[in-house]
């Protein structure tokens, strides 16, 4: 047990243990006030001693710290923070952090239910008081361990693992927006949204926020691409956000660097059978392998008879059918969404293509590696008679995700 203290900083007590593996509860119920406390009064270490330790030795020493202590350890100095968050340290030291499917619904004011697909179990992610009071259940997007909330006059970016957050003011006082997407990179993030013009409510623009320079940029030309009422979030793939329309079938994308729109496909030829009606089309992307998938329903007279999965082959720019949902499962899914396919949305989570519905509390997912279909059971904490407003997100905790 010892204390480290930088000039002008309060000392932090380090209590070493033999356990270095973190579990879900290590961060789901962590708060700065719950950091380990000293059992006795240790002596302070001279800052000149530990400040001159070579990086490779310091990295080896701190690798033995418990995960909770390691998070608190970042606040000692900028040097230690950069060392702990460096790619080499994070890649060399595994913390065994699980990933979750996060459920948001109108009654999730102070916490979110989390489902662990590996353990097939539920747990809870509590929100800080500041977010639970100002943002309520307005979770809009999730990416690389960051959550994006909306309040009256700003957006809030929150990392539940490090308990850090940032408030982002809207670019103008009146800011009606839709289709918000949070897109992260290793050292920054961008926020995409469509907003109505202040001079004309009938005109919409692309608004992009960049965390590097912390500024908003605006681009026009939206109304000719995406119709009003389009409610499917974009999917990030090769530097652009992709959107799929089903009537008529069309795939468009917007470049997140310059805001320019491009039509990727203007016809369903070669994708859907010519004698079938396209009931819905949704996109998901495997960011690690950089593969774009499409989940589509085909049928006739507005009724979905079959649900299929296609994979986009970038070399030939064609879609290849890879999977068909079994008929008995297809009938159950289409019945629970009452054939209202505007309520259907999809997301990618750790080798799983998840097919969801706003008015159904369960998830149907396809495991790409095992090529099997499964249902996520209903969350036991949900009210029995609650039947709408269910929205799922992929939540992969990240220590390096900076707000």
Protein backbone atom coordinates (compact mmCIF):
# COMPACT_ATOMS: atom_id res chain seq x y z
CA UNK A 1 0.00 0.00 0.00
CA UNK A 2 1.40 3.41 -0.92
CA UNK A 3 0.40 6.89 -2.01
CA UNK A 4 1.26 8.76 -5.17
CA UNK A 5 1.06 12.51 -5.29
CA UNK A 6 1.81 14.95 -8.10
CA UNK A 7 2.53 18.63 -7.49
CA UNK A 8 -0.70 20.51 -6.79
CA UNK A 9 -2.75 17.27 -6.74
CA UNK A 10 -4.38 15.35 -3.93
CA UNK A 11 -2.64 12.05 -3.16
CA UNK A 12 -4.22 8.82 -4.32
CA UNK A 13 -3.92 5.66 -2.28
CA UNK A 14 -2.94 2.45 -4.11
CA UNK A 15 -3.77 -0.89 -2.53
CA UNK A 16 -2.35 -3.79 -4.53
CA UNK A 17 -4.14 -7.12 -4.85
CA UNK A 18 -3.52 -10.36 -6.66
CA UNK A 19 -6.67 -10.12 -8.79
CA UNK A 20 -6.53 -8.17 -12.06
CA UNK A 21 -9.58 -9.47 -13.89
CA UNK A 22 -12.54 -7.11 -14.12
CA UNK A 23 -16.13 -8.26 -14.13
CA UNK A 24 -19.31 -6.55 -15.21
CA UNK A 25 -20.06 -5.37 -11.69
CA UNK A 26 -16.67 -3.69 -11.50
CA UNK A 27 -17.91 -0.85 -13.67
CA UNK A 28 -21.69 -1.18 -13.69
CA UNK A 29 -21.84 -0.16 -10.05
CA UNK A 30 -18.59 1.81 -9.88
CA UNK A 31 -18.40 5.41 -8.75
CA UNK A 32 -15.46 7.61 -7.75
CA UNK A 33 -16.62 7.49 -4.15
CA UNK A 34 -16.33 3.70 -4.10
CA UNK A 35 -12.57 3.65 -4.78
CA UNK A 36 -10.55 1.41 -2.43
CA UNK A 37 -9.58 3.12 0.80
CA UNK A 38 -6.45 2.54 2.81
CA UNK A 39 -6.70 0.27 5.82
CA UNK A 40 -4.04 2.26 7.61
CA UNK A 41 -2.20 5.55 7.15
CA UNK A 42 0.50 4.93 4.54
CA UNK A 43 3.45 7.20 3.96
CA UNK A 44 3.63 9.46 0.91
CA UNK A 45 6.04 8.55 -1.87
CA UNK A 46 8.32 11.34 -3.03
CA UNK A 47 6.96 12.53 -6.42
CA UNK A 48 10.49 12.88 -7.77
CA UNK A 49 10.97 9.12 -7.40
CA UNK A 50 7.99 7.78 -9.35
CA UNK A 51 7.96 10.64 -11.88
CA UNK A 52 11.37 9.51 -13.17
CA UNK A 53 10.48 5.82 -13.54
CA UNK A 54 10.93 4.68 -17.17
CA UNK A 55 7.66 4.14 -19.02
CA UNK A 56 8.13 0.41 -19.54
CA UNK A 57 8.67 -0.12 -15.79
CA UNK A 58 5.78 2.14 -14.82
CA UNK A 59 3.51 0.33 -17.29
CA UNK A 60 4.50 -3.00 -15.76
CA UNK A 61 3.78 -1.74 -12.23
CA UNK A 62 0.36 -0.30 -12.93
CA UNK A 63 -0.67 -3.43 -14.87
CA UNK A 64 -1.00 -5.18 -11.47
CA UNK A 65 -3.53 -2.65 -10.16
CA UNK A 66 -7.19 -3.60 -9.77
CA UNK A 67 -9.41 -2.27 -12.51
CA UNK A 68 -11.30 0.17 -10.25
CA UNK A 69 -8.05 1.63 -8.97
CA UNK A 70 -6.68 1.88 -12.49
CA UNK A 71 -9.57 4.13 -13.49
CA UNK A 72 -8.92 6.46 -10.52
CA UNK A 73 -5.21 6.32 -11.29
CA UNK A 74 -5.75 8.29 -14.51
CA UNK A 75 -6.47 11.51 -12.60
CA UNK A 76 -2.98 11.77 -11.05
CA UNK A 77 -1.28 13.33 -14.05
CA UNK A 78 -1.57 13.75 -17.79
CA UNK A 79 1.45 11.51 -18.27
CA UNK A 80 -0.17 8.58 -16.45
CA UNK A 81 -3.47 9.18 -18.21
CA UNK A 82 -1.81 9.05 -21.64
CA UNK A 83 0.12 5.95 -20.61
CA UNK A 84 -2.96 4.06 -19.41
CA UNK A 85 -4.97 5.04 -22.50
CA UNK A 86 -2.15 4.32 -24.95
CA UNK A 87 -2.92 1.64 -27.58
CA UNK A 88 0.11 -0.42 -26.49
CA UNK A 89 -1.05 -0.62 -22.86
CA UNK A 90 -4.66 -1.37 -23.75
CA UNK A 91 -3.66 -4.05 -26.26
CA UNK A 92 -1.15 -5.73 -23.94
CA UNK A 93 -3.37 -5.85 -20.86
CA UNK A 94 -6.79 -7.44 -21.20
CA UNK A 95 -9.43 -6.46 -18.65
CA UNK A 96 -11.98 -9.10 -19.72
CA UNK A 97 -14.72 -6.55 -20.22
CA UNK A 98 -18.02 -8.03 -21.41
CA UNK A 99 -20.23 -6.52 -24.10
CA UNK A 100 -23.96 -5.99 -23.79
CA UNK A 101 -27.21 -5.34 -25.56
CA UNK A 102 -28.68 -2.24 -23.90
CA UNK A 103 -32.43 -1.74 -23.70
CA UNK A 104 -33.95 1.74 -23.54
CA UNK A 105 -37.67 2.25 -22.94
CA UNK A 106 -39.90 5.10 -21.67
CA UNK A 107 -39.55 4.01 -18.04
CA UNK A 108 -35.73 3.79 -18.07
CA UNK A 109 -35.12 7.09 -16.24
CA UNK A 110 -32.31 6.19 -13.84
CA UNK A 111 -30.84 3.00 -15.30
CA UNK A 112 -30.77 0.72 -18.33
CA UNK A 113 -31.22 -3.06 -18.46
CA UNK A 114 -28.21 -4.82 -20.01
CA UNK A 115 -28.23 -8.29 -21.55
CA UNK A 116 -25.01 -10.31 -21.74
CA UNK A 117 -25.34 -12.71 -24.71
CA UNK A 118 -22.39 -14.82 -23.56
CA UNK A 119 -23.73 -15.45 -20.04
CA UNK A 120 -27.41 -15.18 -21.08
CA UNK A 121 -28.02 -12.96 -18.06
CA UNK A 122 -29.33 -9.50 -17.19
CA UNK A 123 -27.74 -6.70 -15.17
CA UNK A 124 -28.21 -2.94 -14.76
CA UNK A 125 -26.33 0.15 -15.90
CA UNK A 126 -27.13 3.08 -13.56
CA UNK A 127 -27.00 6.64 -14.88
CA UNK A 128 -25.30 9.52 -13.07
CA UNK A 129 -27.73 11.88 -11.36
CA UNK A 130 -26.93 14.68 -13.82
CA UNK A 131 -27.95 12.56 -16.80
CA UNK A 132 -30.95 10.90 -15.20
CA UNK A 133 -32.40 14.31 -14.31
CA UNK A 134 -31.69 16.18 -17.55
CA UNK A 135 -31.85 13.48 -20.22
CA UNK A 136 -34.41 11.07 -18.81
CA UNK A 137 -34.85 8.21 -21.30
CA UNK A 138 -33.65 10.14 -24.37
CA UNK A 139 -30.82 7.82 -25.37
CA UNK A 140 -30.32 8.34 -29.10
CA UNK A 141 -27.17 6.50 -30.18
CA UNK A 142 -24.32 4.27 -29.01
CA UNK A 143 -20.87 3.69 -30.47
CA UNK A 144 -17.58 2.23 -29.19
CA UNK A 145 -18.48 2.52 -25.50
CA UNK A 146 -20.00 6.01 -25.77
CA UNK A 147 -23.68 6.86 -25.28
CA UNK A 148 -25.36 9.96 -26.73
CA UNK A 149 -28.32 11.55 -24.93
CA UNK A 150 -30.51 14.50 -25.80
CA UNK A 151 -31.82 17.24 -23.51
CA UNK A 152 -33.65 20.51 -24.15
CA UNK A 153 -30.69 22.57 -25.38
CA UNK A 154 -27.79 20.16 -25.78
CA UNK A 155 -26.50 16.65 -26.37
CA UNK A 156 -24.58 14.68 -23.75
CA UNK A 157 -21.80 12.21 -24.58
CA UNK A 158 -21.22 9.74 -21.75
CA UNK A 159 -18.71 6.93 -21.19
CA UNK A 160 -20.24 4.63 -18.51
CA UNK A 161 -16.94 2.85 -17.93
CA UNK A 162 -14.90 5.93 -17.01
CA UNK A 163 -17.96 7.89 -15.79
CA UNK A 164 -16.87 10.86 -17.91
CA UNK A 165 -19.27 13.04 -19.88
CA UNK A 166 -19.40 16.14 -22.06
CA UNK A 167 -22.25 18.50 -22.92
CA UNK A 168 -22.50 19.66 -26.54
CA UNK A 169 -24.60 22.74 -27.17
CA UNK A 170 -26.88 22.80 -30.18
CA UNK A 171 -25.68 25.09 -32.99
CA UNK A 172 -28.75 27.30 -32.61
CA UNK A 173 -31.47 27.97 -30.05
CA UNK A 174 -34.22 26.22 -32.01
CA UNK A 175 -32.78 22.94 -33.26
CA UNK A 176 -35.39 20.37 -34.38
CA UNK A 177 -33.44 17.33 -35.51
CA UNK A 178 -33.92 13.70 -36.54
CA UNK A 179 -31.92 10.58 -37.47
CA UNK A 180 -29.02 11.23 -35.08
CA UNK A 181 -26.03 8.90 -35.36
CA UNK A 182 -22.88 8.82 -33.22
CA UNK A 183 -19.81 7.63 -35.15
CA UNK A 184 -16.53 7.02 -33.32
CA UNK A 185 -12.91 6.61 -34.38
CA UNK A 186 -9.92 5.66 -32.18
CA UNK A 187 -9.30 9.25 -31.05
CA UNK A 188 -12.46 11.23 -31.86
CA UNK A 189 -16.12 11.02 -32.80
CA UNK A 190 -18.66 12.70 -35.07
CA UNK A 191 -22.38 13.31 -34.65
CA UNK A 192 -24.63 13.22 -37.71
CA UNK A 193 -28.15 14.54 -37.71
CA UNK A 194 -30.74 16.09 -40.01
CA UNK A 195 -32.16 19.44 -38.94
CA UNK A 196 -34.84 21.76 -40.27
CA UNK A 197 -33.79 25.14 -41.58
CA UNK A 198 -34.41 28.11 -39.31
CA UNK A 199 -35.82 30.12 -42.24
CA UNK A 200 -37.97 27.37 -43.73
CA UNK A 201 -39.41 24.37 -41.93
CA UNK A 202 -39.79 22.57 -45.26
CA UNK A 203 -36.03 22.56 -45.93
CA UNK A 204 -33.62 20.23 -44.14
CA UNK A 205 -29.84 20.14 -43.84
CA UNK A 206 -27.12 17.75 -42.66
CA UNK A 207 -25.51 18.92 -39.42
CA UNK A 208 -22.17 17.34 -38.50
CA UNK A 209 -20.37 17.78 -35.18
CA UNK A 210 -16.65 16.98 -34.97
CA UNK A 211 -15.14 16.37 -31.52
CA UNK A 212 -11.64 17.34 -32.73
CA UNK A 213 -12.43 21.03 -33.30
CA UNK A 214 -15.76 20.93 -31.39
CA UNK A 215 -17.71 22.66 -34.12
CA UNK A 216 -20.90 22.07 -36.09
CA UNK A 217 -20.98 22.15 -39.91
CA UNK A 218 -24.08 22.33 -42.09
CA UNK A 219 -24.68 20.87 -45.58
CA UNK A 220 -27.82 20.98 -47.75
CA UNK A 221 -29.40 18.75 -50.36
CA UNK A 222 -31.26 16.32 -48.11
CA UNK A 223 -34.87 16.57 -49.20
CA UNK A 224 -34.17 15.13 -52.65
CA UNK A 225 -32.49 12.08 -51.05
CA UNK A 226 -34.41 11.06 -47.92
CA UNK A 227 -38.15 11.73 -47.68
CA UNK A 228 -39.73 13.21 -44.58
CA UNK A 229 -40.86 10.56 -42.17
CA UNK A 230 -37.90 8.30 -42.95
CA UNK A 231 -36.99 6.91 -39.51
CA UNK A 232 -34.12 4.45 -40.04
CA UNK A 233 -30.73 5.42 -38.60
CA UNK A 234 -27.68 5.43 -40.84
CA UNK A 235 -25.01 2.72 -40.82
CA UNK A 236 -21.35 3.72 -40.89
CA UNK A 237 -19.32 2.00 -43.63
CA UNK A 238 -16.10 3.14 -45.36
CA UNK A 239 -16.26 6.72 -44.12
CA UNK A 240 -19.93 7.28 -44.99
CA UNK A 241 -23.37 6.78 -43.47
CA UNK A 242 -25.58 4.45 -45.53
CA UNK A 243 -29.38 4.47 -45.67
CA UNK A 244 -31.71 1.95 -47.36
CA UNK A 245 -35.12 2.88 -48.74
CA UNK A 246 -37.58 0.19 -49.75
CA UNK A 247 -40.22 2.05 -51.81
CA UNK A 248 -38.65 2.39 -54.28
CA UNK A 249 -35.62 0.36 -53.27
CA UNK A 250 -32.58 2.61 -53.14
CA UNK A 251 -29.37 2.82 -51.11
CA UNK A 252 -27.79 6.23 -50.54
CA UNK A 253 -24.83 7.39 -48.50
CA UNK A 254 -23.49 10.67 -47.17
CA UNK A 255 -19.76 11.34 -46.79
CA UNK A 256 -19.00 12.45 -43.23
CA UNK A 257 -16.11 14.61 -44.40
CA UNK A 258 -17.84 16.88 -46.91
CA UNK A 259 -21.56 16.08 -46.52
CA UNK A 260 -21.99 14.96 -50.15
CA UNK A 261 -24.68 12.42 -51.01
CA UNK A 262 -24.19 9.47 -53.38
CA UNK A 263 -26.68 6.94 -54.73
CA UNK A 264 -25.20 3.47 -54.36
CA UNK A 265 -28.02 1.46 -55.92
CA UNK A 266 -31.15 2.63 -57.73
CA UNK A 267 -32.79 -0.70 -58.42
CA UNK A 268 -33.49 -3.99 -56.70
CA UNK A 269 -32.44 -6.02 -59.74
CA UNK A 270 -30.13 -8.82 -58.69
CA UNK A 271 -31.09 -8.39 -55.03
CA UNK A 272 -34.81 -9.04 -54.73
CA UNK A 273 -36.83 -11.27 -57.07
CA UNK A 274 -38.59 -9.15 -59.69
CA UNK A 275 -42.01 -10.63 -58.93
CA UNK A 276 -41.81 -9.91 -55.20
CA UNK A 277 -42.61 -6.75 -53.27
CA UNK A 278 -39.98 -5.28 -50.97
CA UNK A 279 -41.60 -4.82 -47.57
CA UNK A 280 -38.54 -3.44 -45.77
CA UNK A 281 -34.75 -3.16 -46.11
CA UNK A 282 -32.33 -2.48 -43.23
CA UNK A 283 -28.53 -2.19 -43.16
CA UNK A 284 -25.98 -3.31 -40.55
CA UNK A 285 -22.19 -3.26 -40.63
CA UNK A 286 -19.45 -5.38 -39.08
CA UNK A 287 -16.97 -2.59 -38.30
CA UNK A 288 -14.10 -4.95 -37.45
CA UNK A 289 -14.24 -6.91 -40.72
CA UNK A 290 -15.69 -3.96 -42.69
CA UNK A 291 -18.59 -5.97 -44.11
CA UNK A 292 -21.95 -4.43 -44.99
CA UNK A 293 -25.08 -6.57 -44.59
CA UNK A 294 -28.69 -6.00 -45.54
CA UNK A 295 -31.74 -7.52 -43.87
CA UNK A 296 -34.75 -7.48 -46.17
CA UNK A 297 -38.32 -8.64 -46.19
CA UNK A 298 -39.93 -9.83 -49.40
CA UNK A 299 -43.54 -10.70 -50.06
CA UNK A 300 -46.62 -9.45 -51.86
CA UNK A 301 -49.56 -7.11 -51.20
CA UNK A 302 -47.60 -5.44 -48.38
CA UNK A 303 -47.25 -8.69 -46.39
CA UNK A 304 -43.76 -10.02 -45.63
CA UNK A 305 -43.50 -13.74 -46.46
CA UNK A 306 -39.76 -14.18 -46.04
CA UNK A 307 -36.82 -12.43 -44.39
CA UNK A 308 -33.34 -12.79 -45.89
CA UNK A 309 -29.79 -11.53 -45.26
CA UNK A 310 -27.46 -10.32 -48.01
CA UNK A 311 -23.76 -9.48 -47.88
CA UNK A 312 -22.30 -6.68 -49.98
CA UNK A 313 -19.29 -7.70 -52.09
CA UNK A 314 -17.26 -4.54 -52.54
CA UNK A 315 -15.06 -6.04 -55.26
CA UNK A 316 -17.98 -6.63 -57.62
CA UNK A 317 -20.41 -4.14 -55.99
CA UNK A 318 -23.09 -6.81 -55.78
CA UNK A 319 -25.28 -8.25 -53.02
CA UNK A 320 -25.03 -11.98 -52.30
CA UNK A 321 -27.74 -13.81 -50.37
CA UNK A 322 -26.27 -15.54 -47.31
CA UNK A 323 -29.18 -16.58 -45.06
CA UNK A 324 -32.96 -17.04 -44.92
CA UNK A 325 -34.95 -16.83 -41.71
CA UNK A 326 -36.79 -20.13 -41.00
CA UNK A 327 -40.48 -19.88 -41.88
CA UNK A 328 -41.79 -20.58 -38.38
CA UNK A 329 -39.58 -17.85 -36.88
CA UNK A 330 -40.50 -15.47 -39.69
CA UNK A 331 -44.21 -15.92 -38.99
CA UNK A 332 -43.69 -15.18 -35.28
CA UNK A 333 -41.65 -12.04 -35.94
CA UNK A 334 -44.04 -10.58 -38.52
CA UNK A 335 -46.96 -11.26 -36.18
CA UNK A 336 -45.40 -9.45 -33.21
CA UNK A 337 -44.73 -6.34 -35.31
CA UNK A 338 -48.29 -6.51 -36.70
CA UNK A 339 -46.91 -6.22 -40.25
CA UNK A 340 -45.99 -2.60 -39.52
CA UNK A 341 -42.47 -2.75 -40.94
CA UNK A 342 -41.73 0.89 -40.14
CA UNK A 343 -41.27 -0.36 -36.57
CA UNK A 344 -38.55 -2.82 -37.62
CA UNK A 345 -34.91 -1.85 -37.18
CA UNK A 346 -31.61 -3.73 -37.12
CA UNK A 347 -28.23 -3.40 -35.42
CA UNK A 348 -24.89 -5.18 -35.30
CA UNK A 349 -23.44 -6.54 -32.06
CA UNK A 350 -20.37 -8.78 -31.82
CA UNK A 351 -20.94 -11.21 -34.74
CA UNK A 352 -24.71 -10.89 -34.34
CA UNK A 353 -27.25 -9.30 -36.69
CA UNK A 354 -30.09 -8.22 -34.43
CA UNK A 355 -33.61 -7.71 -35.82
CA UNK A 356 -35.76 -5.63 -33.48
CA UNK A 357 -39.20 -4.04 -33.27
CA UNK A 358 -40.19 -0.91 -31.36
CA UNK A 359 -43.33 -2.55 -29.98
CA UNK A 360 -41.77 -5.89 -28.96
CA UNK A 361 -39.40 -6.32 -25.96
CA UNK A 362 -37.45 -9.26 -27.41
CA UNK A 363 -34.65 -9.41 -30.00
CA UNK A 364 -34.31 -11.87 -32.84
CA UNK A 365 -30.66 -12.27 -33.79
CA UNK A 366 -28.57 -14.23 -36.26
CA UNK A 367 -25.10 -15.32 -35.15
CA UNK A 368 -22.98 -14.92 -38.28
CA UNK A 369 -20.16 -17.22 -37.14
CA UNK A 370 -22.42 -20.08 -35.99
CA UNK A 371 -25.13 -19.41 -38.59
CA UNK A 372 -27.88 -19.90 -36.01
CA UNK A 373 -30.98 -17.88 -35.05
CA UNK A 374 -31.93 -17.08 -31.45
CA UNK A 375 -34.33 -14.98 -29.36
CA UNK A 376 -33.21 -12.72 -26.51
CA UNK A 377 -35.65 -13.31 -23.65
CA UNK A 378 -37.80 -10.51 -22.26
CA UNK A 379 -36.15 -8.38 -19.61
CA UNK A 380 -37.53 -9.43 -16.19
CA UNK A 381 -37.57 -5.81 -14.92
CA UNK A 382 -39.96 -4.58 -17.64
CA UNK A 383 -43.56 -3.82 -16.66
CA UNK A 384 -45.89 -6.62 -17.67
CA UNK A 385 -48.26 -4.51 -19.76
CA UNK A 386 -45.71 -2.21 -21.39
CA UNK A 387 -45.98 -2.74 -25.14
CA UNK A 388 -44.15 0.03 -27.02
CA UNK A 389 -41.08 2.26 -27.09
CA UNK A 390 -38.47 -0.50 -26.90
CA UNK A 391 -35.12 0.50 -28.40
CA UNK A 392 -31.99 -1.64 -28.32
CA UNK A 393 -28.36 -0.56 -28.65
CA UNK A 394 -25.03 -2.34 -28.89
CA UNK A 395 -22.91 -1.38 -25.88
CA UNK A 396 -19.24 -2.39 -25.93
CA UNK A 397 -17.46 -0.77 -22.93
CA UNK A 398 -14.20 0.98 -23.78
CA UNK A 399 -11.63 2.52 -21.47
CA UNK A 400 -10.04 4.47 -24.32
CA UNK A 401 -13.23 6.08 -25.64
CA UNK A 402 -12.83 9.77 -24.84
CA UNK A 403 -15.71 12.21 -24.60
